[in-house]
All heavy atoms as atom14 arrays in JSON, in Angstrom:
{
  "sequence": "IALLRQLFIEQGYQVEAVSSAEAALLQVQLSAHDLILLDLGLPDM",
  "atom14_mask": [
    [1, 1, 1, 1, 1, 1, 1, 1, 0, 0, 0, 0, 0, 0],
    [1, 1, 1, 1, 1, 0, 0, 0, 0, 0, 0, 0, 0, 0],
    [1, 1, 1, 1, 1, 1, 1, 1, 0, 0, 0, 0, 0, 0],
    [1, 1, 1, 1, 1, 1, 1, 1, 0, 0, 0, 0, 0, 0],
    [1, 1, 1, 1, 1, 1, 1, 1, 1, 1, 1, 0, 0, 0],
    [1, 1, 1, 1, 1, 1, 1, 1, 1, 0, 0, 0, 0, 0],
    [1, 1, 1, 1, 1, 1, 1, 1, 0, 0, 0, 0, 0, 0],
    [1, 1, 1, 1, 1, 1, 1, 1, 1, 1, 1, 0, 0, 0],
    [1, 1, 1, 1, 1, 1, 1, 1, 0, 0, 0, 0, 0, 0],
    [1, 1, 1, 1, 1, 1, 1, 1, 1, 0, 0, 0, 0, 0],
    [1, 1, 1, 1, 1, 1, 1, 1, 1, 0, 0, 0, 0, 0],
    [1, 1, 1, 1, 0, 0, 0, 0, 0, 0, 0, 0, 0, 0],
    [1, 1, 1, 1, 1, 1, 1, 1, 1, 1, 1, 1, 0, 0],
    [1, 1, 1, 1, 1, 1, 1, 1, 1, 0, 0, 0, 0, 0],
    [1, 1, 1, 1, 1, 1, 1, 0, 0, 0, 0, 0, 0, 0],
    [1, 1, 1, 1, 1, 1, 1, 1, 1, 0, 0, 0, 0, 0],
    [1, 1, 1, 1, 1, 0, 0, 0, 0, 0, 0, 0, 0, 0],
    [1, 1, 1, 1, 1, 1, 1, 0, 0, 0, 0, 0, 0, 0],
    [1, 1, 1, 1, 1, 1, 0, 0, 0, 0, 0, 0, 0, 0],
    [1, 1, 1, 1, 1, 1, 0, 0, 0, 0, 0, 0, 0, 0],
    [1, 1, 1, 1, 1, 0, 0, 0, 0, 0, 0, 0, 0, 0],
    [1, 1, 1, 1, 1, 1, 1, 1, 1, 0, 0, 0, 0, 0],
    [1, 1, 1, 1, 1, 0, 0, 0, 0, 0, 0, 0, 0, 0],
    [1, 1, 1, 1, 1, 0, 0, 0, 0, 0, 0, 0, 0, 0],
    [1, 1, 1, 1, 1, 1, 1, 1, 0, 0, 0, 0, 0, 0],
    [1, 1, 1, 1, 1, 1, 1, 1, 0, 0, 0, 0, 0, 0],
    [1, 1, 1, 1, 1, 1, 1, 1, 1, 0, 0, 0, 0, 0],
    [1, 1, 1, 1, 1, 1, 1, 0, 0, 0, 0, 0, 0, 0],
    [1, 1, 1, 1, 1, 1, 1, 1, 1, 0, 0, 0, 0, 0],
    [1, 1, 1, 1, 1, 1, 1, 1, 0, 0, 0, 0, 0, 0],
    [1, 1, 1, 1, 1, 1, 0, 0, 0, 0, 0, 0, 0, 0],
    [1, 1, 1, 1, 1, 0, 0, 0, 0, 0, 0, 0, 0, 0],
    [1, 1, 1, 1, 1, 1, 1, 1, 1, 1, 0, 0, 0, 0],
    [1, 1, 1, 1, 1, 1, 1, 1, 0, 0, 0, 0, 0, 0],
    [1, 1, 1, 1, 1, 1, 1, 1, 0, 0, 0, 0, 0, 0],
    [1, 1, 1, 1, 1, 1, 1, 1, 0, 0, 0, 0, 0, 0],
    [1, 1, 1, 1, 1, 1, 1, 1, 0, 0, 0, 0, 0, 0],
    [1, 1, 1, 1, 1, 1, 1, 1, 0, 0, 0, 0, 0, 0],
    [1, 1, 1, 1, 1, 1, 1, 1, 0, 0, 0, 0, 0, 0],
    [1, 1, 1, 1, 1, 1, 1, 1, 0, 0, 0, 0, 0, 0],
    [1, 1, 1, 1, 0, 0, 0, 0, 0, 0, 0, 0, 0, 0],
    [1, 1, 1, 1, 1, 1, 1, 1, 0, 0, 0, 0, 0, 0],
    [1, 1, 1, 1, 1, 1, 1, 0, 0, 0, 0, 0, 0, 0],
    [1, 1, 1, 1, 1, 1, 1, 1, 0, 0, 0, 0, 0, 0],
    [1, 1, 1, 1, 1, 1, 1, 1, 0, 0, 0, 0, 0, 0]
  ],
  "atom14_positions": [
    [[27.47, 88.72, 75.44], [28.41, 87.75, 75.89], [28.29, 86.39, 75.2], [29.36, 85.87, 74.68], [28.32, 87.55, 77.42], [28.87, 88.79, 78.24], [29.13, 86.3, 77.89], [28.55, 88.69, 79.68], [0.0, 0.0, 0.0], [0.0, 0.0, 0.0], [0.0, 0.0, 0.0], [0.0, 0.0, 0.0], [0.0, 0.0, 0.0], [0.0, 0.0, 0.0]],
    [[27.15, 85.91, 75.02], [26.96, 84.6, 74.35], [27.44, 84.74, 72.88], [28.07, 83.79, 72.33], [25.53, 84.28, 74.33], [0.0, 0.0, 0.0], [0.0, 0.0, 0.0], [0.0, 0.0, 0.0], [0.0, 0.0, 0.0], [0.0, 0.0, 0.0], [0.0, 0.0, 0.0], [0.0, 0.0, 0.0], [0.0, 0.0, 0.0], [0.0, 0.0, 0.0]],
    [[27.07, 85.8, 72.23], [27.58, 86.02, 70.79], [29.08, 86.09, 70.73], [29.7, 85.46, 69.8], [26.93, 87.2, 70.15], [25.45, 87.25, 69.84], [24.86, 88.62, 69.48], [25.22, 86.19, 68.69], [0.0, 0.0, 0.0], [0.0, 0.0, 0.0], [0.0, 0.0, 0.0], [0.0, 0.0, 0.0], [0.0, 0.0, 0.0], [0.0, 0.0, 0.0]],
    [[29.65, 86.85, 71.58], [31.16, 87.07, 71.64], [31.82, 85.75, 71.91], [32.82, 85.37, 71.32], [31.59, 88.12, 72.52], [31.15, 89.65, 72.13], [31.46, 90.61, 73.31], [31.94, 89.95, 70.88], [0.0, 0.0, 0.0], [0.0, 0.0, 0.0], [0.0, 0.0, 0.0], [0.0, 0.0, 0.0], [0.0, 0.0, 0.0], [0.0, 0.0, 0.0]],
    [[31.31, 85.04, 72.94], [31.96, 83.66, 73.31], [31.88, 82.75, 72.12], [32.98, 82.15, 71.82], [31.14, 83.17, 74.44], [31.81, 81.84, 75.01], [30.91, 81.22, 76.08], [30.65, 82.04, 77.25], [31.49, 82.15, 78.3], [32.6, 81.55, 78.24], [31.22, 82.99, 79.22], [0.0, 0.0, 0.0], [0.0, 0.0, 0.0], [0.0, 0.0, 0.0]],
    [[30.77, 82.64, 71.41], [30.66, 81.8, 70.23], [31.66, 82.22, 69.15], [32.34, 81.45, 68.63], [29.3, 81.78, 69.67], [29.12, 80.88, 68.48], [27.63, 80.95, 67.97], [26.74, 81.47, 68.53], [27.42, 80.31, 66.82], [0.0, 0.0, 0.0], [0.0, 0.0, 0.0], [0.0, 0.0, 0.0], [0.0, 0.0, 0.0], [0.0, 0.0, 0.0]],
    [[31.67, 83.57, 68.82], [32.62, 84.09, 67.88], [34.01, 83.79, 68.18], [34.8, 83.23, 67.35], [32.39, 85.61, 67.71], [33.36, 86.3, 66.83], [33.06, 86.01, 65.3], [33.29, 87.83, 67.02], [0.0, 0.0, 0.0], [0.0, 0.0, 0.0], [0.0, 0.0, 0.0], [0.0, 0.0, 0.0], [0.0, 0.0, 0.0], [0.0, 0.0, 0.0]],
    [[34.47, 84.01, 69.43], [35.83, 83.81, 69.79], [36.27, 82.33, 69.76], [37.33, 81.92, 69.28], [36.17, 84.52, 71.17], [36.0, 85.93, 71.14], [35.61, 86.68, 72.17], [36.22, 86.71, 69.92], [35.56, 88.07, 72.28], [36.09, 88.03, 69.95], [35.69, 88.78, 71.07], [0.0, 0.0, 0.0], [0.0, 0.0, 0.0], [0.0, 0.0, 0.0]],
    [[35.33, 81.52, 70.2], [35.68, 80.09, 70.35], [35.74, 79.53, 68.86], [36.74, 78.81, 68.54], [34.6, 79.3, 71.09], [34.71, 79.62, 72.59], [34.64, 77.78, 70.83], [33.58, 79.06, 73.45], [0.0, 0.0, 0.0], [0.0, 0.0, 0.0], [0.0, 0.0, 0.0], [0.0, 0.0, 0.0], [0.0, 0.0, 0.0], [0.0, 0.0, 0.0]],
    [[34.87, 79.99, 68.03], [35.02, 79.54, 66.51], [36.4, 80.07, 65.95], [36.86, 79.41, 65.05], [33.83, 80.2, 65.81], [32.49, 79.53, 65.96], [31.38, 80.23, 65.36], [31.54, 81.25, 64.7], [30.26, 79.8, 65.54], [0.0, 0.0, 0.0], [0.0, 0.0, 0.0], [0.0, 0.0, 0.0], [0.0, 0.0, 0.0], [0.0, 0.0, 0.0]],
    [[36.93, 81.14, 66.45], [38.24, 81.65, 66.02], [39.42, 81.06, 66.65], [40.55, 81.34, 66.45], [38.27, 83.19, 66.13], [37.25, 83.94, 65.35], [37.48, 83.71, 63.85], [38.53, 83.83, 63.3], [36.33, 83.43, 63.09], [0.0, 0.0, 0.0], [0.0, 0.0, 0.0], [0.0, 0.0, 0.0], [0.0, 0.0, 0.0], [0.0, 0.0, 0.0]],
    [[39.2, 80.08, 67.67], [40.2, 79.37, 68.34], [40.68, 80.01, 69.57], [41.76, 79.65, 70.15], [0.0, 0.0, 0.0], [0.0, 0.0, 0.0], [0.0, 0.0, 0.0], [0.0, 0.0, 0.0], [0.0, 0.0, 0.0], [0.0, 0.0, 0.0], [0.0, 0.0, 0.0], [0.0, 0.0, 0.0], [0.0, 0.0, 0.0], [0.0, 0.0, 0.0]],
    [[40.02, 81.06, 70.0], [40.34, 81.72, 71.25], [39.68, 81.04, 72.52], [38.61, 80.44, 72.35], [39.89, 83.15, 71.25], [40.49, 84.01, 70.28], [39.81, 84.55, 69.17], [41.91, 84.43, 70.3], [40.37, 85.31, 68.17], [42.49, 85.21, 69.29], [41.69, 85.65, 68.33], [42.24, 86.48, 67.37], [0.0, 0.0, 0.0], [0.0, 0.0, 0.0]],
    [[40.37, 81.15, 73.68], [39.78, 80.79, 74.9], [39.07, 82.04, 75.42], [39.65, 83.12, 75.25], [40.81, 80.3, 75.94], [41.51, 79.05, 75.56], [42.56, 78.68, 76.55], [42.49, 79.16, 77.76], [43.54, 77.88, 76.23], [0.0, 0.0, 0.0], [0.0, 0.0, 0.0], [0.0, 0.0, 0.0], [0.0, 0.0, 0.0], [0.0, 0.0, 0.0]],
    [[37.92, 81.83, 76.07], [37.12, 82.98, 76.5], [36.77, 82.85, 78.0], [36.31, 81.77, 78.37], [35.86, 83.11, 75.62], [35.09, 84.38, 76.07], [36.19, 83.16, 74.18], [0.0, 0.0, 0.0], [0.0, 0.0, 0.0], [0.0, 0.0, 0.0], [0.0, 0.0, 0.0], [0.0, 0.0, 0.0], [0.0, 0.0, 0.0], [0.0, 0.0, 0.0]],
    [[36.96, 83.93, 78.67], [36.37, 84.03, 80.01], [35.53, 85.31, 79.98], [35.88, 86.31, 79.42], [37.41, 84.22, 81.11], [38.28, 82.93, 81.32], [39.34, 83.01, 82.32], [39.68, 84.18, 82.7], [39.81, 82.01, 82.69], [0.0, 0.0, 0.0], [0.0, 0.0, 0.0], [0.0, 0.0, 0.0], [0.0, 0.0, 0.0], [0.0, 0.0, 0.0]],
    [[34.37, 85.21, 80.65], [33.48, 86.39, 80.64], [32.92, 86.69, 82.04], [32.63, 85.81, 82.85], [32.29, 86.13, 79.66], [0.0, 0.0, 0.0], [0.0, 0.0, 0.0], [0.0, 0.0, 0.0], [0.0, 0.0, 0.0], [0.0, 0.0, 0.0], [0.0, 0.0, 0.0], [0.0, 0.0, 0.0], [0.0, 0.0, 0.0], [0.0, 0.0, 0.0]],
    [[32.94, 88.0, 82.41], [32.33, 88.43, 83.81], [31.49, 89.58, 83.41], [31.66, 90.29, 82.39], [33.49, 88.78, 84.76], [34.28, 87.56, 85.09], [34.43, 89.91, 84.18], [0.0, 0.0, 0.0], [0.0, 0.0, 0.0], [0.0, 0.0, 0.0], [0.0, 0.0, 0.0], [0.0, 0.0, 0.0], [0.0, 0.0, 0.0], [0.0, 0.0, 0.0]],
    [[30.6, 89.91, 84.25], [29.53, 90.94, 84.08], [29.69, 92.23, 85.01], [28.87, 92.99, 84.99], [28.15, 90.34, 84.21], [27.93, 89.79, 85.45], [0.0, 0.0, 0.0], [0.0, 0.0, 0.0], [0.0, 0.0, 0.0], [0.0, 0.0, 0.0], [0.0, 0.0, 0.0], [0.0, 0.0, 0.0], [0.0, 0.0, 0.0], [0.0, 0.0, 0.0]],
    [[30.76, 92.18, 85.83], [30.97, 93.39, 86.71], [32.37, 93.73, 86.83], [33.28, 92.86, 86.6], [30.37, 92.98, 88.07], [31.14, 92.09, 88.84], [0.0, 0.0, 0.0], [0.0, 0.0, 0.0], [0.0, 0.0, 0.0], [0.0, 0.0, 0.0], [0.0, 0.0, 0.0], [0.0, 0.0, 0.0], [0.0, 0.0, 0.0], [0.0, 0.0, 0.0]],
    [[32.64, 94.93, 87.31], [34.06, 95.33, 87.44], [34.72, 94.58, 88.61], [35.85, 94.19, 88.49], [34.03, 96.84, 87.77], [0.0, 0.0, 0.0], [0.0, 0.0, 0.0], [0.0, 0.0, 0.0], [0.0, 0.0, 0.0], [0.0, 0.0, 0.0], [0.0, 0.0, 0.0], [0.0, 0.0, 0.0], [0.0, 0.0, 0.0], [0.0, 0.0, 0.0]],
    [[33.87, 94.37, 89.7], [34.41, 93.54, 90.77], [34.96, 92.09, 90.41], [36.01, 91.79, 90.7], [33.36, 93.39, 91.88], [33.82, 92.62, 93.13], [32.66, 92.47, 94.06], [31.58, 92.94, 93.87], [33.01, 91.88, 95.18], [0.0, 0.0, 0.0], [0.0, 0.0, 0.0], [0.0, 0.0, 0.0], [0.0, 0.0, 0.0], [0.0, 0.0, 0.0]],
    [[34.12, 91.46, 89.58], [34.4, 90.09, 89.16], [35.6, 90.19, 88.16], [36.58, 89.4, 88.1], [33.28, 89.42, 88.39], [0.0, 0.0, 0.0], [0.0, 0.0, 0.0], [0.0, 0.0, 0.0], [0.0, 0.0, 0.0], [0.0, 0.0, 0.0], [0.0, 0.0, 0.0], [0.0, 0.0, 0.0], [0.0, 0.0, 0.0], [0.0, 0.0, 0.0]],
    [[35.7, 91.35, 87.38], [36.73, 91.44, 86.47], [38.23, 91.66, 87.23], [39.17, 91.07, 86.74], [36.57, 92.71, 85.53], [0.0, 0.0, 0.0], [0.0, 0.0, 0.0], [0.0, 0.0, 0.0], [0.0, 0.0, 0.0], [0.0, 0.0, 0.0], [0.0, 0.0, 0.0], [0.0, 0.0, 0.0], [0.0, 0.0, 0.0], [0.0, 0.0, 0.0]],
    [[38.21, 92.45, 88.25], [39.35, 92.64, 89.0], [39.9, 91.32, 89.58], [41.18, 91.1, 89.63], [39.13, 93.69, 90.1], [38.9, 95.12, 89.57], [38.39, 96.08, 90.72], [40.21, 95.64, 88.97], [0.0, 0.0, 0.0], [0.0, 0.0, 0.0], [0.0, 0.0, 0.0], [0.0, 0.0, 0.0], [0.0, 0.0, 0.0], [0.0, 0.0, 0.0]],
    [[38.97, 90.47, 90.11], [39.37, 89.23, 90.55], [39.88, 88.33, 89.52], [40.9, 87.61, 89.57], [38.19, 88.52, 91.2], [37.75, 88.98, 92.6], [36.49, 88.21, 93.07], [38.85, 88.55, 93.62], [0.0, 0.0, 0.0], [0.0, 0.0, 0.0], [0.0, 0.0, 0.0], [0.0, 0.0, 0.0], [0.0, 0.0, 0.0], [0.0, 0.0, 0.0]],
    [[39.16, 88.29, 88.33], [39.65, 87.47, 87.25], [40.95, 87.83, 86.64], [41.77, 86.98, 86.35], [38.62, 87.44, 86.14], [38.66, 86.32, 85.11], [38.43, 85.0, 85.82], [37.64, 84.81, 86.67], [39.24, 84.01, 85.41], [0.0, 0.0, 0.0], [0.0, 0.0, 0.0], [0.0, 0.0, 0.0], [0.0, 0.0, 0.0], [0.0, 0.0, 0.0]],
    [[41.3, 89.14, 86.65], [42.65, 89.49, 86.12], [43.71, 89.09, 87.05], [44.76, 88.78, 86.67], [42.6, 91.12, 86.01], [43.98, 91.62, 85.81], [41.73, 91.45, 84.79], [0.0, 0.0, 0.0], [0.0, 0.0, 0.0], [0.0, 0.0, 0.0], [0.0, 0.0, 0.0], [0.0, 0.0, 0.0], [0.0, 0.0, 0.0], [0.0, 0.0, 0.0]],
    [[43.4, 89.0, 88.39], [44.48, 88.56, 89.39], [44.55, 87.0, 89.35], [45.71, 86.58, 89.47], [43.96, 88.9, 90.82], [43.97, 90.3, 91.15], [43.43, 90.59, 92.52], [43.08, 89.63, 93.29], [43.33, 91.81, 92.96], [0.0, 0.0, 0.0], [0.0, 0.0, 0.0], [0.0, 0.0, 0.0], [0.0, 0.0, 0.0], [0.0, 0.0, 0.0]],
    [[43.56, 86.34, 88.92], [43.61, 84.83, 88.94], [44.11, 84.21, 87.67], [44.61, 83.06, 87.72], [42.16, 84.35, 89.21], [41.55, 84.72, 90.5], [40.05, 84.3, 90.57], [42.35, 84.12, 91.63], [0.0, 0.0, 0.0], [0.0, 0.0, 0.0], [0.0, 0.0, 0.0], [0.0, 0.0, 0.0], [0.0, 0.0, 0.0], [0.0, 0.0, 0.0]],
    [[44.01, 84.91, 86.63], [44.27, 84.18, 85.31], [44.97, 85.16, 84.31], [44.53, 86.33, 84.28], [42.95, 83.63, 84.75], [43.23, 82.92, 83.55], [0.0, 0.0, 0.0], [0.0, 0.0, 0.0], [0.0, 0.0, 0.0], [0.0, 0.0, 0.0], [0.0, 0.0, 0.0], [0.0, 0.0, 0.0], [0.0, 0.0, 0.0], [0.0, 0.0, 0.0]],
    [[45.93, 84.67, 83.58], [46.5, 85.55, 82.52], [45.71, 85.54, 81.34], [45.16, 84.59, 80.91], [47.91, 84.93, 82.24], [0.0, 0.0, 0.0], [0.0, 0.0, 0.0], [0.0, 0.0, 0.0], [0.0, 0.0, 0.0], [0.0, 0.0, 0.0], [0.0, 0.0, 0.0], [0.0, 0.0, 0.0], [0.0, 0.0, 0.0], [0.0, 0.0, 0.0]],
    [[45.55, 86.8, 80.73], [44.86, 86.98, 79.47], [45.72, 87.75, 78.52], [46.72, 88.37, 78.82], [43.57, 87.78, 79.77], [42.68, 87.21, 80.86], [42.83, 87.57, 82.2], [41.61, 86.39, 80.8], [41.93, 86.85, 82.86], [41.29, 86.13, 81.98], [0.0, 0.0, 0.0], [0.0, 0.0, 0.0], [0.0, 0.0, 0.0], [0.0, 0.0, 0.0]],
    [[45.35, 87.42, 77.2], [46.04, 88.14, 76.08], [45.44, 89.4, 75.71], [45.99, 90.27, 75.03], [46.22, 87.11, 74.87], [47.04, 85.89, 75.27], [48.18, 86.05, 75.62], [46.41, 84.85, 75.29], [0.0, 0.0, 0.0], [0.0, 0.0, 0.0], [0.0, 0.0, 0.0], [0.0, 0.0, 0.0], [0.0, 0.0, 0.0], [0.0, 0.0, 0.0]],
    [[44.07, 89.53, 75.97], [43.3, 90.65, 75.55], [42.14, 90.83, 76.47], [41.53, 89.83, 76.93], [42.82, 90.47, 74.1], [41.96, 91.64, 73.55], [42.88, 92.67, 72.93], [40.95, 91.08, 72.53], [0.0, 0.0, 0.0], [0.0, 0.0, 0.0], [0.0, 0.0, 0.0], [0.0, 0.0, 0.0], [0.0, 0.0, 0.0], [0.0, 0.0, 0.0]],
    [[41.82, 92.09, 76.74], [40.59, 92.36, 77.56], [39.64, 93.24, 76.65], [40.09, 94.29, 76.13], [40.93, 93.08, 78.9], [41.87, 92.26, 79.83], [39.66, 93.57, 79.61], [42.36, 93.03, 81.0], [0.0, 0.0, 0.0], [0.0, 0.0, 0.0], [0.0, 0.0, 0.0], [0.0, 0.0, 0.0], [0.0, 0.0, 0.0], [0.0, 0.0, 0.0]],
    [[38.43, 92.75, 76.55], [37.34, 93.48, 75.82], [36.39, 93.95, 76.88], [35.75, 93.19, 77.51], [36.73, 92.51, 74.83], [35.65, 93.1, 73.93], [36.31, 94.21, 72.97], [35.11, 92.04, 72.94], [0.0, 0.0, 0.0], [0.0, 0.0, 0.0], [0.0, 0.0, 0.0], [0.0, 0.0, 0.0], [0.0, 0.0, 0.0], [0.0, 0.0, 0.0]],
    [[36.33, 95.33, 77.03], [35.67, 95.92, 78.16], [34.58, 96.89, 77.78], [34.82, 97.82, 76.93], [36.72, 96.78, 78.98], [36.33, 97.64, 80.1], [35.64, 96.94, 81.17], [37.59, 98.38, 80.61], [0.0, 0.0, 0.0], [0.0, 0.0, 0.0], [0.0, 0.0, 0.0], [0.0, 0.0, 0.0], [0.0, 0.0, 0.0], [0.0, 0.0, 0.0]],
    [[33.38, 96.6, 78.38], [32.25, 97.45, 78.13], [32.35, 98.73, 78.92], [32.83, 98.72, 80.09], [30.96, 96.68, 78.46], [29.69, 97.51, 78.28], [29.66, 98.35, 77.26], [28.71, 97.3, 78.92], [0.0, 0.0, 0.0], [0.0, 0.0, 0.0], [0.0, 0.0, 0.0], [0.0, 0.0, 0.0], [0.0, 0.0, 0.0], [0.0, 0.0, 0.0]],
    [[32.02, 99.83, 78.36], [32.14, 101.04, 79.13], [30.97, 101.21, 80.18], [31.28, 101.73, 81.24], [31.88, 102.27, 78.07], [32.34, 103.54, 78.63], [33.74, 103.7, 78.95], [32.0, 104.65, 77.51], [0.0, 0.0, 0.0], [0.0, 0.0, 0.0], [0.0, 0.0, 0.0], [0.0, 0.0, 0.0], [0.0, 0.0, 0.0], [0.0, 0.0, 0.0]],
    [[29.83, 100.68, 80.0], [28.73, 100.85, 80.88], [28.51, 99.58, 81.75], [27.7, 98.72, 81.39], [0.0, 0.0, 0.0], [0.0, 0.0, 0.0], [0.0, 0.0, 0.0], [0.0, 0.0, 0.0], [0.0, 0.0, 0.0], [0.0, 0.0, 0.0], [0.0, 0.0, 0.0], [0.0, 0.0, 0.0], [0.0, 0.0, 0.0], [0.0, 0.0, 0.0]],
    [[29.28, 99.38, 82.8], [29.13, 98.23, 83.72], [28.22, 98.63, 84.89], [28.18, 99.81, 85.22], [30.48, 97.79, 84.25], [31.42, 97.24, 83.18], [32.72, 96.94, 83.76], [30.82, 95.91, 82.54], [0.0, 0.0, 0.0], [0.0, 0.0, 0.0], [0.0, 0.0, 0.0], [0.0, 0.0, 0.0], [0.0, 0.0, 0.0], [0.0, 0.0, 0.0]],
    [[27.62, 97.73, 85.61], [26.64, 98.08, 86.69], [27.27, 98.7, 87.8], [26.66, 99.51, 88.55], [25.95, 96.77, 86.92], [26.79, 95.73, 86.43], [27.47, 96.33, 85.24], [0.0, 0.0, 0.0], [0.0, 0.0, 0.0], [0.0, 0.0, 0.0], [0.0, 0.0, 0.0], [0.0, 0.0, 0.0], [0.0, 0.0, 0.0], [0.0, 0.0, 0.0]],
    [[28.48, 98.31, 88.2], [29.15, 98.71, 89.39], [30.34, 99.68, 89.24], [30.79, 100.24, 90.17], [29.66, 97.48, 90.22], [30.51, 96.65, 89.5], [30.68, 96.74, 88.19], [31.3, 95.78, 90.08], [0.0, 0.0, 0.0], [0.0, 0.0, 0.0], [0.0, 0.0, 0.0], [0.0, 0.0, 0.0], [0.0, 0.0, 0.0], [0.0, 0.0, 0.0]],
    [[30.71, 99.99, 87.99], [31.81, 100.9, 87.73], [31.79, 101.3, 86.24], [31.66, 100.48, 85.41], [33.15, 100.38, 88.17], [34.34, 101.27, 88.03], [35.91, 100.51, 88.43], [35.78, 100.03, 90.13], [0.0, 0.0, 0.0], [0.0, 0.0, 0.0], [0.0, 0.0, 0.0], [0.0, 0.0, 0.0], [0.0, 0.0, 0.0], [0.0, 0.0, 0.0]]
  ]
}
């Protein structure tokens, strides 16, 4: 996450990061995003 955040910020992107499916579902409801980068192996789903 730290590496990706740094990479994306350097490229001029805004970045939000969450570490669980539950938090991701909330974040998608709360804020509009242009792209979702999703890990296959999350702890809760």
